[in-house]
């Protein structure tokens, strides 16, 4: 896979429902915004747990 190719992420139905709920309640304007936020926070958490932050 080329480095500039987008990565595909599959969500479980429960994850998709949670993301959609955040959008419907106005926390995020689009599901893609919510996903970026969740991924960013997950990366920060992993780095902190492993002493990389």
N, C-alpha and C. Protein backbone atom coordinates (compact mmCIF):
# COMPACT_ATOMS: atom_id res chain seq x y z
N UNK A 1 0.85 -1.18 0.00
CA UNK A 1 0.00 0.00 0.00
C UNK A 1 0.89 1.24 0.00
N UNK A 2 0.55 2.20 -0.80
CA UNK A 2 1.31 3.45 -0.86
C UNK A 2 1.10 4.25 0.41
N UNK A 3 2.10 5.04 0.77
CA UNK A 3 2.01 5.82 2.00
C UNK A 3 0.91 6.87 1.96
N UNK A 4 0.56 7.36 0.79
CA UNK A 4 -0.45 8.40 0.72
C UNK A 4 -1.86 7.86 0.53
N UNK A 5 -2.01 6.55 0.59
CA UNK A 5 -3.35 5.96 0.46
C UNK A 5 -4.10 6.10 1.77
N UNK A 6 -5.38 6.40 1.70
CA UNK A 6 -6.17 6.50 2.94
C UNK A 6 -6.31 5.14 3.61
N UNK A 7 -6.43 5.14 4.90
CA UNK A 7 -6.63 3.91 5.65
C UNK A 7 -8.11 3.74 5.92
N UNK A 8 -8.58 2.54 5.72
CA UNK A 8 -9.99 2.25 5.97
C UNK A 8 -10.14 1.68 7.38
N UNK A 9 -11.13 2.17 8.09
CA UNK A 9 -11.40 1.69 9.45
C UNK A 9 -12.83 1.19 9.48
N UNK A 10 -13.01 -0.03 9.97
CA UNK A 10 -14.36 -0.57 10.10
C UNK A 10 -14.81 -0.45 11.54
N UNK A 11 -16.01 0.05 11.72
CA UNK A 11 -16.57 0.21 13.06
C UNK A 11 -17.55 -0.90 13.35
N UNK A 12 -17.61 -1.28 14.60
CA UNK A 12 -18.66 -2.21 15.00
C UNK A 12 -19.98 -1.42 14.99
N UNK A 13 -21.11 -2.11 14.88
CA UNK A 13 -22.39 -1.40 14.91
C UNK A 13 -22.56 -0.53 16.16
N UNK A 14 -22.07 -1.01 17.31
CA UNK A 14 -22.19 -0.24 18.55
C UNK A 14 -21.36 1.04 18.47
N UNK A 15 -20.15 0.95 17.93
CA UNK A 15 -19.31 2.14 17.78
C UNK A 15 -19.96 3.15 16.84
N UNK A 16 -20.48 2.66 15.73
CA UNK A 16 -21.14 3.54 14.76
C UNK A 16 -22.34 4.23 15.40
N UNK A 17 -23.09 3.49 16.19
CA UNK A 17 -24.26 4.07 16.87
C UNK A 17 -23.84 5.15 17.85
N UNK A 18 -22.76 4.92 18.58
CA UNK A 18 -22.26 5.92 19.53
C UNK A 18 -21.80 7.18 18.81
N UNK A 19 -21.08 7.00 17.70
CA UNK A 19 -20.62 8.15 16.91
C UNK A 19 -21.82 8.92 16.38
N UNK A 20 -22.80 8.22 15.83
CA UNK A 20 -23.99 8.88 15.29
C UNK A 20 -24.76 9.62 16.37
N UNK A 21 -24.79 9.06 17.58
CA UNK A 21 -25.47 9.74 18.69
C UNK A 21 -24.79 11.07 19.01
N UNK A 22 -23.46 11.09 19.01
CA UNK A 22 -22.73 12.33 19.27
C UNK A 22 -23.03 13.38 18.21
N UNK A 23 -23.17 12.95 16.96
CA UNK A 23 -23.50 13.88 15.88
C UNK A 23 -24.93 14.38 16.04
N UNK A 24 -25.87 13.48 16.32
CA UNK A 24 -27.27 13.86 16.46
C UNK A 24 -27.48 14.82 17.62
N UNK A 25 -26.70 14.68 18.69
CA UNK A 25 -26.85 15.55 19.86
C UNK A 25 -26.07 16.85 19.71
N UNK A 26 -25.42 17.03 18.56
CA UNK A 26 -24.73 18.28 18.28
C UNK A 26 -23.34 18.41 18.85
N UNK A 27 -22.79 17.32 19.39
CA UNK A 27 -21.42 17.38 19.93
C UNK A 27 -20.43 17.59 18.78
N UNK A 28 -20.68 16.93 17.66
CA UNK A 28 -19.88 17.07 16.44
C UNK A 28 -20.82 17.36 15.29
N UNK A 29 -20.31 18.03 14.26
CA UNK A 29 -21.17 18.35 13.11
C UNK A 29 -21.20 17.21 12.09
N UNK A 30 -20.15 16.41 12.05
CA UNK A 30 -20.08 15.29 11.10
C UNK A 30 -19.45 14.08 11.79
N UNK A 31 -19.81 12.89 11.32
CA UNK A 31 -19.24 11.69 11.91
C UNK A 31 -17.73 11.64 11.69
N UNK A 32 -17.24 12.18 10.59
CA UNK A 32 -15.80 12.17 10.35
C UNK A 32 -15.07 13.02 11.39
N UNK A 33 -15.67 14.11 11.83
CA UNK A 33 -15.07 14.93 12.89
C UNK A 33 -15.00 14.14 14.19
N UNK A 34 -16.07 13.43 14.50
CA UNK A 34 -16.11 12.63 15.72
C UNK A 34 -15.05 11.53 15.67
N UNK A 35 -14.93 10.88 14.53
CA UNK A 35 -13.94 9.81 14.41
C UNK A 35 -12.52 10.33 14.55
N UNK A 36 -12.23 11.47 13.95
CA UNK A 36 -10.88 12.04 14.10
C UNK A 36 -10.58 12.34 15.56
N UNK A 37 -11.55 12.87 16.26
CA UNK A 37 -11.38 13.19 17.67
C UNK A 37 -11.13 11.93 18.50
N UNK A 38 -11.92 10.92 18.24
CA UNK A 38 -11.78 9.65 18.98
C UNK A 38 -10.43 9.01 18.70
N UNK A 39 -10.03 9.00 17.46
CA UNK A 39 -8.74 8.41 17.10
C UNK A 39 -7.60 9.20 17.75
N UNK A 40 -7.66 10.52 17.67
CA UNK A 40 -6.62 11.37 18.26
C UNK A 40 -6.49 11.11 19.76
N UNK A 41 -7.63 11.05 20.45
CA UNK A 41 -7.62 10.81 21.89
C UNK A 41 -7.09 9.42 22.21
N UNK A 42 -7.44 8.45 21.39
CA UNK A 42 -6.94 7.09 21.58
C UNK A 42 -5.43 7.01 21.44
N UNK A 43 -4.90 7.70 20.46
CA UNK A 43 -3.45 7.73 20.26
C UNK A 43 -2.76 8.38 21.45
N UNK A 44 -3.30 9.49 21.92
CA UNK A 44 -2.73 10.15 23.11
C UNK A 44 -2.73 9.22 24.32
N UNK A 45 -3.82 8.52 24.51
CA UNK A 45 -3.94 7.61 25.64
C UNK A 45 -2.92 6.49 25.57
N UNK A 46 -2.76 5.90 24.40
CA UNK A 46 -1.79 4.81 24.22
C UNK A 46 -0.38 5.32 24.46
N UNK A 47 -0.05 6.48 23.91
CA UNK A 47 1.29 7.04 24.11
C UNK A 47 1.55 7.32 25.58
N UNK A 48 0.56 7.84 26.28
CA UNK A 48 0.71 8.13 27.71
C UNK A 48 0.92 6.85 28.51
N UNK A 49 0.12 5.82 28.22
CA UNK A 49 0.23 4.54 28.92
C UNK A 49 1.61 3.91 28.73
N UNK A 50 2.20 4.12 27.58
CA UNK A 50 3.49 3.49 27.26
C UNK A 50 4.68 4.40 27.48
N UNK A 51 4.43 5.56 28.08
CA UNK A 51 5.50 6.48 28.40
C UNK A 51 6.13 7.15 27.19
N UNK A 52 5.36 7.32 26.14
CA UNK A 52 5.88 7.93 24.92
C UNK A 52 5.47 9.39 24.78
N UNK A 53 4.65 9.88 25.69
CA UNK A 53 4.16 11.26 25.58
C UNK A 53 4.95 12.18 26.47
